[in-house]
Amino acid sequence: MIRQAIAAARQQNLVFTDDTAACEMIGQPVRLVPGATPNPKVTVPGDLPLIEALLKAS
């Protein structure tokens, strides 16, 4: 589904920031699913200290 959404969004020359945004742009419903562990996203250098702390703790 994600590959289809990205291909469709690109074909329509839509700009998206991640796979969820691509899915939403083509009308695919998305939802948040709570998890027991952190699932951080590294987007900017300022995100790295959190990732480093999580890695040290594991």
C-alpha atoms as a PDB file:
ATOM      1  CA  MET A   1       0.000   0.000   0.000  1.00  0.00           C
ATOM      2  CA  ILE A   2       2.794   2.429   0.885  1.00  0.00           C
ATOM      3  CA  ARG A   3       4.606   1.883  -2.422  1.00  0.00           C
ATOM      4  CA  GLN A   4       1.367   2.394  -4.332  1.00  0.00           C
ATOM      5  CA  ALA A   5       0.643   5.595  -2.415  1.00  0.00           C
ATOM      6  CA  ILE A   6       4.122   7.006  -3.035  1.00  0.00           C
ATOM      7  CA  ALA A   7       3.963   6.139  -6.741  1.00  0.00           C
ATOM      8  CA  ALA A   8       0.516   7.719  -7.077  1.00  0.00           C
ATOM      9  CA  ALA A   9       1.532  10.865  -5.205  1.00  0.00           C
ATOM     10  CA  ARG A  10       4.657  11.253  -7.336  1.00  0.00           C
ATOM     11  CA  GLN A  11       2.674  10.680 -10.521  1.00  0.00           C
ATOM     12  CA  GLN A  12       0.411  13.568  -9.492  1.00  0.00           C
ATOM     13  CA  ASN A  13       3.482  15.713  -8.696  1.00  0.00           C
ATOM     14  CA  LEU A  14       2.374  15.950  -5.063  1.00  0.00           C
ATOM     15  CA  VAL A  15       4.969  16.829  -2.451  1.00  0.00           C
ATOM     16  CA  PHE A  16       4.861  14.668   0.670  1.00  0.00           C
ATOM     17  CA  THR A  17       7.039  14.391   3.755  1.00  0.00           C
ATOM     18  CA  ASP A  18       6.620  10.702   4.578  1.00  0.00           C
ATOM     19  CA  ASP A  19       4.719   7.550   3.686  1.00  0.00           C
ATOM     20  CA  THR A  20       1.750   8.482   5.863  1.00  0.00           C
ATOM     21  CA  ALA A  21       1.338  11.796   4.067  1.00  0.00           C
ATOM     22  CA  ALA A  22       1.498  10.032   0.693  1.00  0.00           C
ATOM     23  CA  CYS A  23      -1.251   7.636   1.794  1.00  0.00           C
ATOM     24  CA  GLU A  24      -3.433  10.484   3.026  1.00  0.00           C
ATOM     25  CA  MET A  25      -2.957  12.399  -0.236  1.00  0.00           C
ATOM     26  CA  ILE A  26      -4.420   9.556  -2.280  1.00  0.00           C
ATOM     27  CA  GLY A  27      -7.312   9.028   0.124  1.00  0.00           C
ATOM     28  CA  GLN A  28      -5.939   5.976   1.945  1.00  0.00           C
ATOM     29  CA  PRO A  29      -7.092   6.096   5.578  1.00  0.00           C
ATOM     30  CA  VAL A  30      -4.330   6.038   8.178  1.00  0.00           C
ATOM     31  CA  ARG A  31      -4.420   5.773  11.943  1.00  0.00           C
ATOM     32  CA  LEU A  32      -2.058   5.859  14.875  1.00  0.00           C
ATOM     33  CA  VAL A  33      -1.391   2.603  16.650  1.00  0.00           C
ATOM     34  CA  PRO A  34      -0.082   2.868  20.211  1.00  0.00           C
ATOM     35  CA  GLY A  35       3.093   0.947  20.911  1.00  0.00           C
ATOM     36  CA  ALA A  36       4.915  -0.144  24.019  1.00  0.00           C
ATOM     37  CA  THR A  37       8.326   1.114  22.898  1.00  0.00           C
ATOM     38  CA  PRO A  38       9.475   4.408  21.378  1.00  0.00           C
ATOM     39  CA  ASN A  39       9.567   4.636  17.586  1.00  0.00           C
ATOM     40  CA  PRO A  40      11.486   7.876  16.984  1.00  0.00           C
ATOM     41  CA  LYS A  41      12.145   9.438  13.614  1.00  0.00           C
ATOM     42  CA  VAL A  42      15.462  11.122  12.896  1.00  0.00           C
ATOM     43  CA  THR A  43      14.754  14.156  10.736  1.00  0.00           C
ATOM     44  CA  VAL A  44      17.127  16.829  11.948  1.00  0.00           C
ATOM     45  CA  PRO A  45      20.441  16.758  13.814  1.00  0.00           C
ATOM     46  CA  GLY A  46      18.640  17.807  17.009  1.00  0.00           C
ATOM     47  CA  ASP A  47      16.890  14.406  17.039  1.00  0.00           C
ATOM     48  CA  LEU A  48      20.166  12.535  17.538  1.00  0.00           C
ATOM     49  CA  PRO A  49      20.570  13.038  21.322  1.00  0.00           C
ATOM     50  CA  LEU A  50      17.241  11.276  21.914  1.00  0.00           C
ATOM     51  CA  ILE A  51      18.272   8.381  19.681  1.00  0.00           C
ATOM     52  CA  GLU A  52      21.634   8.109  21.403  1.00  0.00           C
ATOM     53  CA  ALA A  53      19.953   8.049  24.824  1.00  0.00           C
ATOM     54  CA  LEU A  54      17.523   5.346  23.703  1.00  0.00           C
ATOM     55  CA  LEU A  55      20.361   3.238  22.304  1.00  0.00           C
ATOM     56  CA  LYS A  56      22.393   3.562  25.497  1.00  0.00           C
ATOM     57  CA  ALA A  57      19.391   2.525  27.576  1.00  0.00           C
ATOM     58  CA  SER A  58      18.757  -0.648  25.588  1.00  0.00           C
END
